[in-house]
C-alpha atoms as a PDB file:
ATOM      1  CA  UNK A   1     -37.362  26.678 -20.323  1.00  0.00           C
ATOM      2  CA  UNK A   2     -35.313  29.415 -18.743  1.00  0.00           C
ATOM      3  CA  UNK A   3     -35.203  27.682 -15.278  1.00  0.00           C
ATOM      4  CA  UNK A   4     -33.971  24.531 -16.897  1.00  0.00           C
ATOM      5  CA  UNK A   5     -31.224  26.311 -18.817  1.00  0.00           C
ATOM      6  CA  UNK A   6     -29.970  28.169 -15.483  1.00  0.00           C
ATOM      7  CA  UNK A   7     -29.816  24.652 -13.953  1.00  0.00           C
ATOM      8  CA  UNK A   8     -27.734  23.355 -16.861  1.00  0.00           C
ATOM      9  CA  UNK A   9     -25.445  26.409 -16.507  1.00  0.00           C
ATOM     10  CA  UNK A  10     -24.934  25.690 -12.815  1.00  0.00           C
ATOM     11  CA  UNK A  11     -24.069  22.142 -13.636  1.00  0.00           C
ATOM     12  CA  UNK A  12     -21.692  22.999 -16.362  1.00  0.00           C
ATOM     13  CA  UNK A  13     -19.909  25.512 -14.065  1.00  0.00           C
ATOM     14  CA  UNK A  14     -19.386  22.924 -11.330  1.00  0.00           C
ATOM     15  CA  UNK A  15     -18.258  20.245 -13.827  1.00  0.00           C
ATOM     16  CA  UNK A  16     -14.606  20.749 -13.106  1.00  0.00           C
ATOM     17  CA  UNK A  17     -15.239  20.556  -9.423  1.00  0.00           C
ATOM     18  CA  UNK A  18     -17.339  17.249 -10.008  1.00  0.00           C
ATOM     19  CA  UNK A  19     -14.692  15.779 -12.216  1.00  0.00           C
ATOM     20  CA  UNK A  20     -11.950  16.565  -9.730  1.00  0.00           C
ATOM     21  CA  UNK A  21     -13.978  14.786  -6.986  1.00  0.00           C
ATOM     22  CA  UNK A  22     -14.575  11.821  -9.102  1.00  0.00           C
ATOM     23  CA  UNK A  23     -10.779  11.662  -9.744  1.00  0.00           C
ATOM     24  CA  UNK A  24     -10.062  11.944  -6.123  1.00  0.00           C
ATOM     25  CA  UNK A  25     -12.575   9.157  -5.204  1.00  0.00           C
ATOM     26  CA  UNK A  26     -10.894   6.943  -8.050  1.00  0.00           C
ATOM     27  CA  UNK A  27      -7.432   7.621  -6.464  1.00  0.00           C
ATOM     28  CA  UNK A  28      -8.933   6.496  -3.092  1.00  0.00           C
ATOM     29  CA  UNK A  29     -10.184   3.402  -4.547  1.00  0.00           C
ATOM     30  CA  UNK A  30      -6.942   2.423  -6.181  1.00  0.00           C
ATOM     31  CA  UNK A  31      -4.930   3.189  -3.123  1.00  0.00           C
ATOM     32  CA  UNK A  32      -7.271   0.884  -1.035  1.00  0.00           C
ATOM     33  CA  UNK A  33      -6.878  -1.759  -3.624  1.00  0.00           C
ATOM     34  CA  UNK A  34      -3.132  -1.450  -3.623  1.00  0.00           C
ATOM     35  CA  UNK A  35      -3.004  -1.827   0.179  1.00  0.00           C
ATOM     36  CA  UNK A  36      -5.243  -4.929   0.037  1.00  0.00           C
ATOM     37  CA  UNK A  37      -3.206  -6.498  -2.590  1.00  0.00           C
ATOM     38  CA  UNK A  38       0.027  -5.825  -0.488  1.00  0.00           C
ATOM     39  CA  UNK A  39      -1.713  -7.390   2.536  1.00  0.00           C
ATOM     40  CA  UNK A  40      -2.683 -10.324   0.699  1.00  0.00           C
ATOM     41  CA  UNK A  41       0.744 -11.098  -0.840  1.00  0.00           C
ATOM     42  CA  UNK A  42       2.294 -10.472   2.533  1.00  0.00           C
ATOM     43  CA  UNK A  43       0.194 -13.221   3.856  1.00  0.00           C
ATOM     44  CA  UNK A  44       1.100 -15.314   0.948  1.00  0.00           C
ATOM     45  CA  UNK A  45       4.669 -14.751   1.611  1.00  0.00           C
ATOM     46  CA  UNK A  46       4.502 -15.597   5.362  1.00  0.00           C
ATOM     47  CA  UNK A  47       2.436 -18.960   4.353  1.00  0.00           C
ATOM     48  CA  UNK A  48       5.160 -19.899   1.893  1.00  0.00           C
ATOM     49  CA  UNK A  49       7.908 -19.230   4.496  1.00  0.00           C
ATOM     50  CA  UNK A  50       5.855 -21.118   7.120  1.00  0.00           C
ATOM     51  CA  UNK A  51       5.678 -24.169   4.688  1.00  0.00           C
ATOM     52  CA  UNK A  52       9.263 -23.986   3.962  1.00  0.00           C
ATOM     53  CA  UNK A  53      10.422 -23.653   7.557  1.00  0.00           C
ATOM     54  CA  UNK A  54       8.128 -26.850   8.288  1.00  0.00           C
ATOM     55  CA  UNK A  55       9.752 -28.939   5.689  1.00  0.00           C
ATOM     56  CA  UNK A  56      13.191 -27.723   6.761  1.00  0.00           C
ATOM     57  CA  UNK A  57      12.725 -28.772  10.237  1.00  0.00           C
ATOM     58  CA  UNK A  58      10.828 -32.140   9.541  1.00  0.00           C
ATOM     59  CA  UNK A  59      12.484 -35.410   9.172  1.00  0.00           C
ATOM     60  CA  UNK A  60      13.701 -36.580   6.691  1.00  0.00           C
ATOM     61  CA  UNK A  61      14.060 -33.321   4.752  1.00  0.00           C
ATOM     62  CA  UNK A  62      15.655 -31.758   7.911  1.00  0.00           C
ATOM     63  CA  UNK A  63      18.785 -34.126   7.030  1.00  0.00           C
ATOM     64  CA  UNK A  64      19.164 -32.974   3.484  1.00  0.00           C
ATOM     65  CA  UNK A  65      18.355 -29.340   4.395  1.00  0.00           C
ATOM     66  CA  UNK A  66      21.139 -29.341   6.983  1.00  0.00           C
ATOM     67  CA  UNK A  67      23.788 -30.994   4.726  1.00  0.00           C
ATOM     68  CA  UNK A  68      23.159 -28.611   1.880  1.00  0.00           C
ATOM     69  CA  UNK A  69      22.701 -25.490   4.258  1.00  0.00           C
ATOM     70  CA  UNK A  70      19.037 -24.564   3.975  1.00  0.00           C
ATOM     71  CA  UNK A  71      18.191 -22.682   7.128  1.00  0.00           C
ATOM     72  CA  UNK A  72      14.877 -21.659   8.216  1.00  0.00           C
ATOM     73  CA  UNK A  73      13.932 -18.104   6.894  1.00  0.00           C
ATOM     74  CA  UNK A  74      12.392 -15.234   8.851  1.00  0.00           C
ATOM     75  CA  UNK A  75       8.865 -14.121   8.147  1.00  0.00           C
ATOM     76  CA  UNK A  76       8.121 -10.773   6.608  1.00  0.00           C
ATOM     77  CA  UNK A  77       8.181  -7.814   8.974  1.00  0.00           C
ATOM     78  CA  UNK A  78       7.457  -4.152   8.094  1.00  0.00           C
ATOM     79  CA  UNK A  79      10.289  -1.637   8.813  1.00  0.00           C
ATOM     80  CA  UNK A  80       9.872   0.782  11.637  1.00  0.00           C
ATOM     81  CA  UNK A  81       7.895   3.706  10.569  1.00  0.00           C
ATOM     82  CA  UNK A  82       6.005   1.783   7.667  1.00  0.00           C
ATOM     83  CA  UNK A  83       2.747   2.318   9.353  1.00  0.00           C
ATOM     84  CA  UNK A  84       2.820   5.977   8.797  1.00  0.00           C
ATOM     85  CA  UNK A  85       1.814   6.905   4.995  1.00  0.00           C
ATOM     86  CA  UNK A  86       3.978   9.129   3.009  1.00  0.00           C
ATOM     87  CA  UNK A  87       2.914  12.770   2.584  1.00  0.00           C
ATOM     88  CA  UNK A  88       0.883  13.419  -0.369  1.00  0.00           C
ATOM     89  CA  UNK A  89       0.582  16.927  -1.855  1.00  0.00           C
ATOM     90  CA  UNK A  90      -2.393  18.115  -3.920  1.00  0.00           C
ATOM     91  CA  UNK A  91      -1.236  21.766  -4.203  1.00  0.00           C
ATOM     92  CA  UNK A  92       0.889  21.587  -7.364  1.00  0.00           C
ATOM     93  CA  UNK A  93       1.946  25.383  -7.140  1.00  0.00           C
ATOM     94  CA  UNK A  94       3.681  24.916  -3.845  1.00  0.00           C
ATOM     95  CA  UNK A  95       6.607  22.400  -2.803  1.00  0.00           C
ATOM     96  CA  UNK A  96       5.765  19.630  -0.553  1.00  0.00           C
ATOM     97  CA  UNK A  97       6.773  20.090   3.220  1.00  0.00           C
ATOM     98  CA  UNK A  98       9.930  18.014   3.902  1.00  0.00           C
ATOM     99  CA  UNK A  99       9.291  14.746   5.680  1.00  0.00           C
ATOM    100  CA  UNK A 100      10.471  14.703   9.414  1.00  0.00           C
ATOM    101  CA  UNK A 101      13.934  13.208   9.791  1.00  0.00           C
ATOM    102  CA  UNK A 102      14.235   9.914  11.734  1.00  0.00           C
ATOM    103  CA  UNK A 103      16.084  10.231  14.969  1.00  0.00           C
ATOM    104  CA  UNK A 104      18.638   7.625  15.641  1.00  0.00           C
ATOM    105  CA  UNK A 105      18.200   5.533  18.767  1.00  0.00           C
ATOM    106  CA  UNK A 106      20.992   5.060  21.191  1.00  0.00           C
END
């Protein structure tokens, strides 16, 4: 009985650690899901733009599109630096480090 009680006390003492780990894993899963949804919607947008551009350039819709001023649209392209994730801070007692300033290209 004493052995089981000591194991229970160890589990209870580690509970905040376990809960924090579960929360972090949940956060990771949510971030992965968000990245996947963004990727899917980017593909949907580019597919819609491709369909629009084909319609604008195809006969006879190109005649109407030209008269009414419907030009072809560009595909989605990410901004420079979008491949780097934003800094995330988990130390709530200290301020987050400043993001490096972007240098202007000549």
